[in-house]
Amino acid sequence: MILRIIPVREFILAAAIFLLLLLISTRHAAFISPSNLANVFNDTAPLMILALGQMVVILTRCIDLSVAANLALTGMVVAMLNVAVPGLPIPLIVMIAISLGAIMGAFNGILVWKLAIPPIVVTLGTMTIFRGIIFLISDGKWINAHEMSESFTAFPRAEIIGLPVLSWVAVVAVAVFGLMMSRTPLGRSIFAVGGNPHAAVYTGINVGKVQFLAFVLSGALAGLTGYLWVARYAVAYVDIAGGFELEVVAACVIGGISIAGGVGTVAGAVLGALFLGVVKNALPVVDISPFWQLAISGSAILIAVAFNARAGKTRGRIILKSAEHTS
């Protein structure tokens, strides 16, 4: 009955996370205390938010490698803005961050949609451009905690019912994207474009436009995360979140988001992020070198891709058998 309600892939990943927590608790029981698990969730919140945006892009048969650079540029801009105008209201800063991130996402989307440039090429290029812009506007200098206003850094750390605002933002983002993907025409269009773009065209769906909107959503979430990241850690610099885009893609792949597009769930993206978050936080606790995180994450990606490929072959056999019976 449980397997009917929860997709098999997500059930297996949730079970793996549970077993991982049990294994860690045998070495360090305090790790699974409610307060520590809340801290792990909060540490994973930025990855979770970005994974939702990346999920939407991957479902449309694209990829966004510029999310971390988008995060870094937005974070630097809002930090510099806060230094210049300390009294700027936090809601306005959040809106500026989301808008700036969405604009960068739209730039990616336009290049993919109108110029038909492969997404991986576009986002590799814009990733470098965004990092370069950070250096140009900041002159390579850092913005530290003492330069930021108290309200700027306090917002993502403020607690509501025992959880920081950063965690609640992730919870709200998951709920919104869950509804969007399951209940709205845009969500259905995203799955249609990834599943079969040629068939989607015949149903009246503009494939390029849907991919464009996917990049805008990914960029907006990256921009939001840029402010939350910089405010939480109270520092902004050129190389902030360097290489984080690979963790975001890894979270999606581990969560069962098919790199071929059209297959995946919000729950899968969230569980993939949580798996990486637990691994990242657990290794130092059990005295394992953090460098093993790369090996564990890489192994998980290979297993997930192999699982997806096997599932795809199984569906293919079912379709062929159905065709044989009808002929």
C-alpha atoms as a PDB file:
ATOM      1  CA  MET A   1       0.000   0.000   0.000  1.00  0.00           C
ATOM      2  CA  ILE A   2       2.814   2.417   0.883  1.00  0.00           C
ATOM      3  CA  LEU A   3       4.534   1.775  -2.446  1.00  0.00           C
ATOM      4  CA  ARG A   4       1.314   2.714  -4.257  1.00  0.00           C
ATOM      5  CA  ILE A   5       1.179   6.085  -2.494  1.00  0.00           C
ATOM      6  CA  ILE A   6       4.918   6.846  -2.637  1.00  0.00           C
ATOM      7  CA  PRO A   7       6.796   6.203  -5.928  1.00  0.00           C
ATOM      8  CA  VAL A   8       9.291   3.327  -5.643  1.00  0.00           C
ATOM      9  CA  ARG A   9      12.320   5.506  -6.436  1.00  0.00           C
ATOM     10  CA  GLU A  10      11.490   8.042  -3.721  1.00  0.00           C
ATOM     11  CA  PHE A  11      10.662   5.269  -1.242  1.00  0.00           C
ATOM     12  CA  ILE A  12      14.068   3.638  -1.800  1.00  0.00           C
ATOM     13  CA  LEU A  13      15.891   6.964  -1.378  1.00  0.00           C
ATOM     14  CA  ALA A  14      13.932   7.810   1.788  1.00  0.00           C
ATOM     15  CA  ALA A  15      14.786   4.361   3.161  1.00  0.00           C
ATOM     16  CA  ALA A  16      18.468   4.909   2.297  1.00  0.00           C
ATOM     17  CA  ILE A  17      18.476   8.216   4.197  1.00  0.00           C
ATOM     18  CA  PHE A  18      16.785   6.540   7.186  1.00  0.00           C
ATOM     19  CA  LEU A  19      19.312   3.696   7.214  1.00  0.00           C
ATOM     20  CA  LEU A  20      22.156   6.203   6.889  1.00  0.00           C
ATOM     21  CA  LEU A  21      20.865   8.079   9.936  1.00  0.00           C
ATOM     22  CA  LEU A  22      20.607   4.830  11.891  1.00  0.00           C
ATOM     23  CA  LEU A  23      24.159   3.896  10.942  1.00  0.00           C
ATOM     24  CA  ILE A  24      25.464   7.311  12.006  1.00  0.00           C
ATOM     25  CA  SER A  25      23.563   7.117  15.306  1.00  0.00           C
ATOM     26  CA  THR A  26      25.522   3.978  16.252  1.00  0.00           C
ATOM     27  CA  ARG A  27      28.683   6.104  16.195  1.00  0.00           C
ATOM     28  CA  HIS A  28      27.218   9.381  17.430  1.00  0.00           C
ATOM     29  CA  ALA A  29      23.724   9.165  18.948  1.00  0.00           C
ATOM     30  CA  ALA A  30      23.370  12.955  19.280  1.00  0.00           C
ATOM     31  CA  PHE A  31      23.356  13.300  15.493  1.00  0.00           C
ATOM     32  CA  ILE A  32      19.731  12.169  15.269  1.00  0.00           C
ATOM     33  CA  SER A  33      18.494  14.473  18.025  1.00  0.00           C
ATOM     34  CA  PRO A  34      15.651  16.759  16.831  1.00  0.00           C
ATOM     35  CA  SER A  35      17.743  19.906  17.274  1.00  0.00           C
ATOM     36  CA  ASN A  36      20.642  18.524  15.238  1.00  0.00           C
ATOM     37  CA  LEU A  37      18.360  17.196  12.500  1.00  0.00           C
ATOM     38  CA  ALA A  38      16.820  20.676  12.323  1.00  0.00           C
ATOM     39  CA  ASN A  39      20.346  22.091  11.874  1.00  0.00           C
ATOM     40  CA  VAL A  40      21.058  19.566   9.106  1.00  0.00           C
ATOM     41  CA  PHE A  41      17.821  20.541   7.378  1.00  0.00           C
ATOM     42  CA  ASN A  42      18.730  24.226   7.655  1.00  0.00           C
ATOM     43  CA  ASP A  43      22.217  23.573   6.229  1.00  0.00           C
ATOM     44  CA  THR A  44      20.619  21.703   3.330  1.00  0.00           C
ATOM     45  CA  ALA A  45      17.930  24.334   2.656  1.00  0.00           C
ATOM     46  CA  PRO A  46      19.952  26.302   0.024  1.00  0.00           C
ATOM     47  CA  LEU A  47      20.719  23.093  -1.881  1.00  0.00           C
ATOM     48  CA  MET A  48      17.064  22.089  -1.663  1.00  0.00           C
ATOM     49  CA  ILE A  49      15.838  25.410  -3.060  1.00  0.00           C
ATOM     50  CA  LEU A  50      18.320  25.340  -5.951  1.00  0.00           C
ATOM     51  CA  ALA A  51      17.514  21.677  -6.678  1.00  0.00           C
ATOM     52  CA  LEU A  52      13.861  22.603  -7.243  1.00  0.00           C
ATOM     53  CA  GLY A  53      14.864  25.108  -9.931  1.00  0.00           C
ATOM     54  CA  GLN A  54      17.346  22.702 -11.491  1.00  0.00           C
ATOM     55  CA  MET A  55      14.688  19.977 -11.480  1.00  0.00           C
ATOM     56  CA  VAL A  56      12.368  22.100 -13.617  1.00  0.00           C
ATOM     57  CA  VAL A  57      15.173  22.846 -16.096  1.00  0.00           C
ATOM     58  CA  ILE A  58      16.311  19.214 -16.349  1.00  0.00           C
ATOM     59  CA  LEU A  59      12.716  18.039 -16.849  1.00  0.00           C
ATOM     60  CA  THR A  60      12.633  20.147 -20.050  1.00  0.00           C
ATOM     61  CA  ARG A  61      15.780  18.378 -21.353  1.00  0.00           C
ATOM     62  CA  CYS A  62      18.062  21.291 -20.422  1.00  0.00           C
ATOM     63  CA  ILE A  63      20.594  21.958 -17.670  1.00  0.00           C
ATOM     64  CA  ASP A  64      21.591  25.098 -15.769  1.00  0.00           C
ATOM     65  CA  LEU A  65      25.236  25.182 -14.705  1.00  0.00           C
ATOM     66  CA  SER A  66      25.106  28.894 -13.871  1.00  0.00           C
ATOM     67  CA  VAL A  67      22.974  28.642 -10.703  1.00  0.00           C
ATOM     68  CA  ALA A  68      25.899  28.981  -8.270  1.00  0.00           C
ATOM     69  CA  ALA A  69      27.350  31.941 -10.199  1.00  0.00           C
ATOM     70  CA  ASN A  70      23.860  33.497 -10.290  1.00  0.00           C
ATOM     71  CA  LEU A  71      23.656  32.994  -6.509  1.00  0.00           C
ATOM     72  CA  ALA A  72      27.077  34.573  -6.011  1.00  0.00           C
ATOM     73  CA  LEU A  73      26.417  37.606  -8.230  1.00  0.00           C
ATOM     74  CA  THR A  74      23.012  38.283  -6.686  1.00  0.00           C
ATOM     75  CA  GLY A  75      24.476  37.872  -3.207  1.00  0.00           C
ATOM     76  CA  MET A  76      27.258  40.349  -3.962  1.00  0.00           C
ATOM     77  CA  VAL A  77      24.841  42.890  -5.466  1.00  0.00           C
ATOM     78  CA  VAL A  78      22.424  42.843  -2.509  1.00  0.00           C
ATOM     79  CA  ALA A  79      25.341  42.938  -0.050  1.00  0.00           C
ATOM     80  CA  MET A  80      26.792  46.011  -1.791  1.00  0.00           C
ATOM     81  CA  LEU A  81      23.312  47.532  -1.859  1.00  0.00           C
ATOM     82  CA  ASN A  82      22.966  46.944   1.874  1.00  0.00           C
ATOM     83  CA  VAL A  83      26.318  48.616   2.536  1.00  0.00           C
ATOM     84  CA  ALA A  84      25.319  51.617   0.411  1.00  0.00           C
ATOM     85  CA  VAL A  85      21.744  51.878   1.777  1.00  0.00           C
ATOM     86  CA  PRO A  86      21.651  50.126   5.198  1.00  0.00           C
ATOM     87  CA  GLY A  87      18.046  51.085   5.860  1.00  0.00           C
ATOM     88  CA  LEU A  88      16.616  49.369   2.777  1.00  0.00           C
ATOM     89  CA  PRO A  89      13.667  47.139   3.852  1.00  0.00           C
ATOM     90  CA  ILE A  90      14.369  43.407   3.793  1.00  0.00           C
ATOM     91  CA  PRO A  91      11.249  42.574   1.683  1.00  0.00           C
ATOM     92  CA  LEU A  92      12.536  44.968  -0.981  1.00  0.00           C
ATOM     93  CA  ILE A  93      16.003  43.366  -0.879  1.00  0.00           C
ATOM     94  CA  VAL A  94      14.389  39.933  -1.288  1.00  0.00           C
ATOM     95  CA  MET A  95      12.375  41.158  -4.289  1.00  0.00           C
ATOM     96  CA  ILE A  96      15.500  42.676  -5.843  1.00  0.00           C
ATOM     97  CA  ALA A  97      17.374  39.384  -5.346  1.00  0.00           C
ATOM     98  CA  ILE A  98      14.578  37.325  -6.920  1.00  0.00           C
ATOM     99  CA  SER A  99      14.210  39.774  -9.831  1.00  0.00           C
ATOM    100  CA  LEU A 100      17.941  39.935 -10.533  1.00  0.00           C
ATOM    101  CA  GLY A 101      18.202  36.143 -10.451  1.00  0.00           C
ATOM    102  CA  ALA A 102      15.183  35.830 -12.768  1.00  0.00           C
ATOM    103  CA  ILE A 103      16.764  38.270 -15.239  1.00  0.00           C
ATOM    104  CA  MET A 104      19.941  36.170 -15.366  1.00  0.00           C
ATOM    105  CA  GLY A 105      17.817  33.051 -15.805  1.00  0.00           C
ATOM    106  CA  ALA A 106      15.885  34.791 -18.603  1.00  0.00           C
ATOM    107  CA  PHE A 107      19.178  35.598 -20.336  1.00  0.00           C
ATOM    108  CA  ASN A 108      20.014  31.877 -20.349  1.00  0.00           C
ATOM    109  CA  GLY A 109      16.518  31.035 -21.544  1.00  0.00           C
ATOM    110  CA  ILE A 110      16.551  33.524 -24.413  1.00  0.00           C
ATOM    111  CA  LEU A 111      19.856  32.147 -25.726  1.00  0.00           C
ATOM    112  CA  VAL A 112      18.507  28.594 -25.590  1.00  0.00           C
ATOM    113  CA  TRP A 113      15.088  29.498 -27.004  1.00  0.00           C
ATOM    114  CA  LYS A 114      15.805  32.061 -29.720  1.00  0.00           C
ATOM    115  CA  LEU A 115      19.350  31.140 -30.752  1.00  0.00           C
ATOM    116  CA  ALA A 116      19.003  27.364 -30.233  1.00  0.00           C
ATOM    117  CA  ILE A 117      22.379  27.180 -28.466  1.00  0.00           C
ATOM    118  CA  PRO A 118      22.804  23.972 -26.415  1.00  0.00           C
ATOM    119  CA  PRO A 119      21.917  24.683 -22.742  1.00  0.00           C
ATOM    120  CA  ILE A 120      25.178  23.261 -21.400  1.00  0.00           C
ATOM    121  CA  VAL A 121      27.166  25.653 -23.629  1.00  0.00           C
ATOM    122  CA  VAL A 122      24.999  28.650 -22.713  1.00  0.00           C
ATOM    123  CA  THR A 123      25.158  28.087 -18.967  1.00  0.00           C
ATOM    124  CA  LEU A 124      28.880  27.290 -18.957  1.00  0.00           C
ATOM    125  CA  GLY A 125      29.410  30.623 -20.681  1.00  0.00           C
ATOM    126  CA  THR A 126      27.109  32.633 -18.413  1.00  0.00           C
ATOM    127  CA  MET A 127      28.604  30.929 -15.354  1.00  0.00           C
ATOM    128  CA  THR A 128      31.960  32.463 -16.276  1.00  0.00           C
ATOM    129  CA  ILE A 129      30.395  35.802 -17.216  1.00  0.00           C
ATOM    130  CA  PHE A 130      28.537  36.119 -13.911  1.00  0.00           C
ATOM    131  CA  ARG A 131      31.693  35.323 -11.920  1.00  0.00           C
ATOM    132  CA  GLY A 132      33.588  37.911 -13.953  1.00  0.00           C
ATOM    133  CA  ILE A 133      30.941  40.550 -13.256  1.00  0.00           C
ATOM    134  CA  ILE A 134      31.272  39.892  -9.516  1.00  0.00           C
ATOM    135  CA  PHE A 135      34.990  40.642  -9.743  1.00  0.00           C
ATOM    136  CA  LEU A 136      34.373  43.801 -11.779  1.00  0.00           C
ATOM    137  CA  ILE A 137      31.764  45.323  -9.465  1.00  0.00           C
ATOM    138  CA  SER A 138      33.548  44.345  -6.235  1.00  0.00           C
ATOM    139  CA  ASP A 139      37.127  44.833  -7.451  1.00  0.00           C
ATOM    140  CA  GLY A 140      37.831  41.421  -5.948  1.00  0.00           C
ATOM    141  CA  LYS A 141      37.138  42.643  -2.413  1.00  0.00           C
ATOM    142  CA  TRP A 142      35.109  40.902   0.289  1.00  0.00           C
ATOM    143  CA  ILE A 143      32.099  42.321   2.128  1.00  0.00           C
ATOM    144  CA  ASN A 144      32.191  41.120   5.733  1.00  0.00           C
ATOM    145  CA  ALA A 145      29.736  40.960   8.623  1.00  0.00           C
ATOM    146  CA  HIS A 146      30.760  44.282  10.179  1.00  0.00           C
ATOM    147  CA  GLU A 147      29.832  46.079   6.934  1.00  0.00           C
ATOM    148  CA  MET A 148      26.335  44.565   6.739  1.00  0.00           C
ATOM    149  CA  SER A 149      23.346  45.867   8.682  1.00  0.00           C
ATOM    150  CA  GLU A 150      21.970  43.797  11.570  1.00  0.00           C
ATOM    151  CA  SER A 151      18.563  43.384   9.937  1.00  0.00           C
ATOM    152  CA  PHE A 152      20.187  42.164   6.692  1.00  0.00           C
ATOM    153  CA  THR A 153      21.991  39.272   8.396  1.00  0.00           C
ATOM    154  CA  ALA A 154      19.298  38.538  11.007  1.00  0.00           C
ATOM    155  CA  PHE A 155      16.431  37.723   8.631  1.00  0.00           C
ATOM    156  CA  PRO A 156      17.396  34.192   7.473  1.00  0.00           C
ATOM    157  CA  ARG A 157      18.499  33.298  11.032  1.00  0.00           C
ATOM    158  CA  ALA A 158      15.295  34.457  12.781  1.00  0.00           C
ATOM    159  CA  GLU A 159      13.415  31.474  14.221  1.00  0.00           C
ATOM    160  CA  ILE A 160       9.717  30.735  13.715  1.00  0.00           C
ATOM    161  CA  ILE A 161       8.312  27.761  15.643  1.00  0.00           C
ATOM    162  CA  GLY A 162      11.812  26.431  16.255  1.00  0.00           C
ATOM    163  CA  LEU A 163      13.058  26.642  12.660  1.00  0.00           C
ATOM    164  CA  PRO A 164      15.067  29.473  11.045  1.00  0.00           C
ATOM    165  CA  VAL A 165      13.449  31.512   8.255  1.00  0.00           C
ATOM    166  CA  LEU A 166      15.902  29.904   5.807  1.00  0.00           C
ATOM    167  CA  SER A 167      14.331  26.500   6.513  1.00  0.00           C
ATOM    168  CA  TRP A 168      10.805  27.885   6.188  1.00  0.00           C
ATOM    169  CA  VAL A 169      11.672  29.407   2.820  1.00  0.00           C
ATOM    170  CA  ALA A 170      12.734  25.936   1.648  1.00  0.00           C
ATOM    171  CA  VAL A 171       9.491  24.409   3.003  1.00  0.00           C
ATOM    172  CA  VAL A 172       7.362  27.037   1.226  1.00  0.00           C
ATOM    173  CA  ALA A 173       9.343  26.595  -2.010  1.00  0.00           C
ATOM    174  CA  VAL A 174       8.772  22.821  -1.892  1.00  0.00           C
ATOM    175  CA  ALA A 175       5.025  23.319  -1.328  1.00  0.00           C
ATOM    176  CA  VAL A 176       4.713  25.890  -4.130  1.00  0.00           C
ATOM    177  CA  PHE A 177       6.654  23.789  -6.642  1.00  0.00           C
ATOM    178  CA  GLY A 178       4.731  20.670  -5.605  1.00  0.00           C
ATOM    179  CA  LEU A 179       1.461  22.412  -6.441  1.00  0.00           C
ATOM    180  CA  MET A 180       2.865  23.975  -9.606  1.00  0.00           C
ATOM    181  CA  MET A 181       4.148  20.695 -11.031  1.00  0.00           C
ATOM    182  CA  SER A 182       0.986  18.722 -10.233  1.00  0.00           C
ATOM    183  CA  ARG A 183      -1.846  21.233 -10.556  1.00  0.00           C
ATOM    184  CA  THR A 184      -0.970  23.891 -13.136  1.00  0.00           C
ATOM    185  CA  PRO A 185      -0.789  23.979 -16.957  1.00  0.00           C
ATOM    186  CA  LEU A 186       2.870  25.084 -16.699  1.00  0.00           C
ATOM    187  CA  GLY A 187       3.751  21.995 -14.661  1.00  0.00           C
ATOM    188  CA  ARG A 188       2.032  19.712 -17.159  1.00  0.00           C
ATOM    189  CA  SER A 189       3.740  21.527 -20.038  1.00  0.00           C
ATOM    190  CA  ILE A 190       7.155  21.026 -18.418  1.00  0.00           C
ATOM    191  CA  PHE A 191       6.597  17.265 -18.232  1.00  0.00           C
ATOM    192  CA  ALA A 192       5.203  17.190 -21.774  1.00  0.00           C
ATOM    193  CA  VAL A 193       8.182  19.058 -23.230  1.00  0.00           C
ATOM    194  CA  GLY A 194      10.651  16.757 -21.488  1.00  0.00           C
ATOM    195  CA  GLY A 195       8.726  13.591 -22.247  1.00  0.00           C
ATOM    196  CA  ASN A 196       8.277  14.188 -25.971  1.00  0.00           C
ATOM    197  CA  PRO A 197       8.983  17.682 -27.340  1.00  0.00           C
ATOM    198  CA  HIS A 198       7.750  16.781 -30.839  1.00  0.00           C
ATOM    199  CA  ALA A 199       4.394  15.567 -29.524  1.00  0.00           C
ATOM    200  CA  ALA A 200       4.208  18.640 -27.261  1.00  0.00           C
ATOM    201  CA  VAL A 201       4.375  20.897 -30.337  1.00  0.00           C
ATOM    202  CA  TYR A 202       1.343  19.141 -31.849  1.00  0.00           C
ATOM    203  CA  THR A 203      -0.652  19.789 -28.675  1.00  0.00           C
ATOM    204  CA  GLY A 204      -0.011  23.526 -28.994  1.00  0.00           C
ATOM    205  CA  ILE A 205       2.824  23.816 -26.463  1.00  0.00           C
ATOM    206  CA  ASN A 206       5.640  26.232 -27.312  1.00  0.00           C
ATOM    207  CA  VAL A 207       8.673  24.125 -26.354  1.00  0.00           C
ATOM    208  CA  GLY A 208      11.149  27.025 -26.419  1.00  0.00           C
ATOM    209  CA  LYS A 209       8.907  29.212 -24.276  1.00  0.00           C
ATOM    210  CA  VAL A 210       8.477  26.476 -21.658  1.00  0.00           C
ATOM    211  CA  GLN A 211      12.249  25.981 -21.508  1.00  0.00           C
ATOM    212  CA  PHE A 212      12.657  29.758 -21.194  1.00  0.00           C
ATOM    213  CA  LEU A 213      10.233  29.852 -18.240  1.00  0.00           C
ATOM    214  CA  ALA A 214      12.095  26.933 -16.631  1.00  0.00           C
ATOM    215  CA  PHE A 215      15.335  28.933 -16.747  1.00  0.00           C
ATOM    216  CA  VAL A 216      13.560  31.989 -15.316  1.00  0.00           C
ATOM    217  CA  LEU A 217      12.258  29.917 -12.384  1.00  0.00           C
ATOM    218  CA  SER A 218      15.697  28.431 -11.785  1.00  0.00           C
ATOM    219  CA  GLY A 219      17.280  31.885 -11.906  1.00  0.00           C
ATOM    220  CA  ALA A 220      14.706  33.388  -9.537  1.00  0.00           C
ATOM    221  CA  LEU A 221      15.368  30.664  -6.953  1.00  0.00           C
ATOM    222  CA  ALA A 222      19.130  31.149  -7.377  1.00  0.00           C
ATOM    223  CA  GLY A 223      18.696  34.878  -6.780  1.00  0.00           C
ATOM    224  CA  LEU A 224      16.612  34.289  -3.653  1.00  0.00           C
ATOM    225  CA  THR A 225      19.205  31.813  -2.386  1.00  0.00           C
ATOM    226  CA  GLY A 226      21.941  34.367  -3.105  1.00  0.00           C
ATOM    227  CA  TYR A 227      20.535  36.773  -0.543  1.00  0.00           C
ATOM    228  CA  LEU A 228      19.798  34.031   2.009  1.00  0.00           C
ATOM    229  CA  TRP A 229      23.308  32.561   1.624  1.00  0.00           C
ATOM    230  CA  VAL A 230      25.168  35.873   1.957  1.00  0.00           C
ATOM    231  CA  ALA A 231      23.002  37.038   4.865  1.00  0.00           C
ATOM    232  CA  ARG A 232      23.288  33.748   6.723  1.00  0.00           C
ATOM    233  CA  TYR A 233      27.064  33.479   6.453  1.00  0.00           C
ATOM    234  CA  ALA A 234      27.521  37.280   6.630  1.00  0.00           C
ATOM    235  CA  VAL A 235      30.131  37.388   3.875  1.00  0.00           C
ATOM    236  CA  ALA A 236      30.180  38.025   0.118  1.00  0.00           C
ATOM    237  CA  TYR A 237      33.115  37.387  -2.237  1.00  0.00           C
ATOM    238  CA  VAL A 238      33.888  36.357  -5.817  1.00  0.00           C
ATOM    239  CA  ASP A 239      34.168  32.596  -5.291  1.00  0.00           C
ATOM    240  CA  ILE A 240      31.154  32.171  -3.021  1.00  0.00           C
ATOM    241  CA  ALA A 241      29.391  28.816  -3.619  1.00  0.00           C
ATOM    242  CA  GLY A 242      32.176  27.764  -6.011  1.00  0.00           C
ATOM    243  CA  GLY A 243      31.363  24.372  -7.538  1.00  0.00           C
ATOM    244  CA  PHE A 244      27.956  24.277  -5.848  1.00  0.00           C
ATOM    245  CA  GLU A 245      26.220  23.861  -9.213  1.00  0.00           C
ATOM    246  CA  LEU A 246      27.570  20.299  -9.355  1.00  0.00           C
ATOM    247  CA  GLU A 247      25.984  19.476  -5.983  1.00  0.00           C
ATOM    248  CA  VAL A 248      22.691  20.846  -7.272  1.00  0.00           C
ATOM    249  CA  VAL A 249      22.791  18.625 -10.361  1.00  0.00           C
ATOM    250  CA  ALA A 250      23.854  15.680  -8.181  1.00  0.00           C
ATOM    251  CA  ALA A 251      20.871  16.213  -5.859  1.00  0.00           C
ATOM    252  CA  CYS A 252      18.508  16.073  -8.848  1.00  0.00           C
ATOM    253  CA  VAL A 253      20.088  12.986 -10.403  1.00  0.00           C
ATOM    254  CA  ILE A 254      20.219  11.130  -7.076  1.00  0.00           C
ATOM    255  CA  GLY A 255      16.581  12.107  -6.561  1.00  0.00           C
ATOM    256  CA  GLY A 256      15.559  10.343  -9.764  1.00  0.00           C
ATOM    257  CA  ILE A 257      15.239  13.359 -12.076  1.00  0.00           C
ATOM    258  CA  SER A 258      16.018  11.872 -15.478  1.00  0.00           C
ATOM    259  CA  ILE A 259      18.741  13.725 -17.378  1.00  0.00           C
ATOM    260  CA  ALA A 260      16.831  12.730 -20.529  1.00  0.00           C
ATOM    261  CA  GLY A 261      13.943  14.893 -19.320  1.00  0.00           C
ATOM    262  CA  GLY A 262      10.274  14.301 -18.566  1.00  0.00           C
ATOM    263  CA  VAL A 263      10.715  12.064 -15.501  1.00  0.00           C
ATOM    264  CA  GLY A 264      11.054  13.221 -11.908  1.00  0.00           C
ATOM    265  CA  THR A 265       9.240  14.576  -8.869  1.00  0.00           C
ATOM    266  CA  VAL A 266       9.572  17.403  -6.378  1.00  0.00           C
ATOM    267  CA  ALA A 267       9.874  14.806  -3.612  1.00  0.00           C
ATOM    268  CA  GLY A 268      12.778  13.198  -5.471  1.00  0.00           C
ATOM    269  CA  ALA A 269      14.680  16.487  -5.752  1.00  0.00           C
ATOM    270  CA  VAL A 270      14.119  17.201  -2.051  1.00  0.00           C
ATOM    271  CA  LEU A 271      15.219  13.718  -0.987  1.00  0.00           C
ATOM    272  CA  GLY A 272      18.300  13.925  -3.217  1.00  0.00           C
ATOM    273  CA  ALA A 273      19.289  17.190  -1.531  1.00  0.00           C
ATOM    274  CA  LEU A 274      18.626  15.742   1.927  1.00  0.00           C
ATOM    275  CA  PHE A 275      20.767  12.694   1.137  1.00  0.00           C
ATOM    276  CA  LEU A 276      23.719  14.909   0.210  1.00  0.00           C
ATOM    277  CA  GLY A 277      23.044  17.131   3.230  1.00  0.00           C
ATOM    278  CA  VAL A 278      23.103  14.198   5.637  1.00  0.00           C
ATOM    279  CA  VAL A 279      26.302  12.835   4.079  1.00  0.00           C
ATOM    280  CA  LYS A 280      28.001  16.253   4.225  1.00  0.00           C
ATOM    281  CA  ASN A 281      27.095  16.820   7.881  1.00  0.00           C
ATOM    282  CA  ALA A 282      27.690  13.249   9.031  1.00  0.00           C
ATOM    283  CA  LEU A 283      31.214  12.618   7.746  1.00  0.00           C
ATOM    284  CA  PRO A 284      33.026  14.942  10.195  1.00  0.00           C
ATOM    285  CA  VAL A 285      30.942  13.534  13.064  1.00  0.00           C
ATOM    286  CA  VAL A 286      32.034   9.940  12.411  1.00  0.00           C
ATOM    287  CA  ASP A 287      35.681  10.972  11.786  1.00  0.00           C
ATOM    288  CA  ILE A 288      35.641  10.354   8.039  1.00  0.00           C
ATOM    289  CA  SER A 289      37.537  12.740   5.774  1.00  0.00           C
ATOM    290  CA  PRO A 290      35.219  15.226   3.976  1.00  0.00           C
ATOM    291  CA  PHE A 291      36.995  14.254   0.753  1.00  0.00           C
ATOM    292  CA  TRP A 292      35.040  11.000   0.923  1.00  0.00           C
ATOM    293  CA  GLN A 293      31.908  13.074   0.321  1.00  0.00           C
ATOM    294  CA  LEU A 294      32.921  13.398  -3.332  1.00  0.00           C
ATOM    295  CA  ALA A 295      33.359   9.641  -3.678  1.00  0.00           C
ATOM    296  CA  ILE A 296      30.058   8.901  -1.932  1.00  0.00           C
ATOM    297  CA  SER A 297      28.179  11.512  -3.961  1.00  0.00           C
ATOM    298  CA  GLY A 298      29.727  10.246  -7.198  1.00  0.00           C
ATOM    299  CA  SER A 299      28.815   6.649  -6.372  1.00  0.00           C
ATOM    300  CA  ALA A 300      25.253   7.689  -5.561  1.00  0.00           C
ATOM    301  CA  ILE A 301      25.002   9.496  -8.910  1.00  0.00           C
ATOM    302  CA  LEU A 302      26.217   6.424 -10.828  1.00  0.00           C
ATOM    303  CA  ILE A 303      23.767   4.169  -8.981  1.00  0.00           C
ATOM    304  CA  ALA A 304      20.915   6.611  -9.626  1.00  0.00           C
ATOM    305  CA  VAL A 305      21.722   6.917 -13.341  1.00  0.00           C
ATOM    306  CA  ALA A 306      21.997   3.107 -13.655  1.00  0.00           C
ATOM    307  CA  PHE A 307      18.648   2.753 -11.863  1.00  0.00           C
ATOM    308  CA  ASN A 308      17.030   5.301 -14.212  1.00  0.00           C
ATOM    309  CA  ALA A 309      18.493   3.582 -17.289  1.00  0.00           C
ATOM    310  CA  ARG A 310      17.231   0.186 -16.111  1.00  0.00           C
ATOM    311  CA  ALA A 311      13.783   1.610 -15.427  1.00  0.00           C
ATOM    312  CA  GLY A 312      13.739   3.148 -18.902  1.00  0.00           C
ATOM    313  CA  LYS A 313      14.600  -0.198 -20.513  1.00  0.00           C
ATOM    314  CA  THR A 314      11.861  -1.906 -18.501  1.00  0.00           C
ATOM    315  CA  ARG A 315       9.273   0.613 -19.724  1.00  0.00           C
ATOM    316  CA  GLY A 316      10.546   0.082 -23.261  1.00  0.00           C
ATOM    317  CA  ARG A 317      10.024  -3.708 -22.976  1.00  0.00           C
ATOM    318  CA  ILE A 318       6.486  -3.170 -21.658  1.00  0.00           C
ATOM    319  CA  ILE A 319       5.653  -0.930 -24.625  1.00  0.00           C
ATOM    320  CA  LEU A 320       7.075  -3.497 -27.072  1.00  0.00           C
ATOM    321  CA  LYS A 321       5.107  -6.320 -25.443  1.00  0.00           C
ATOM    322  CA  SER A 322       1.930  -4.248 -25.634  1.00  0.00           C
ATOM    323  CA  ALA A 323       2.591  -3.607 -29.336  1.00  0.00           C
ATOM    324  CA  GLU A 324       3.142  -7.343 -29.973  1.00  0.00           C
ATOM    325  CA  HIS A 325      -0.174  -8.225 -28.301  1.00  0.00           C
ATOM    326  CA  THR A 326      -2.117  -5.633 -30.297  1.00  0.00           C
ATOM    327  CA  SER A 327      -0.600  -6.674 -33.632  1.00  0.00           C
END
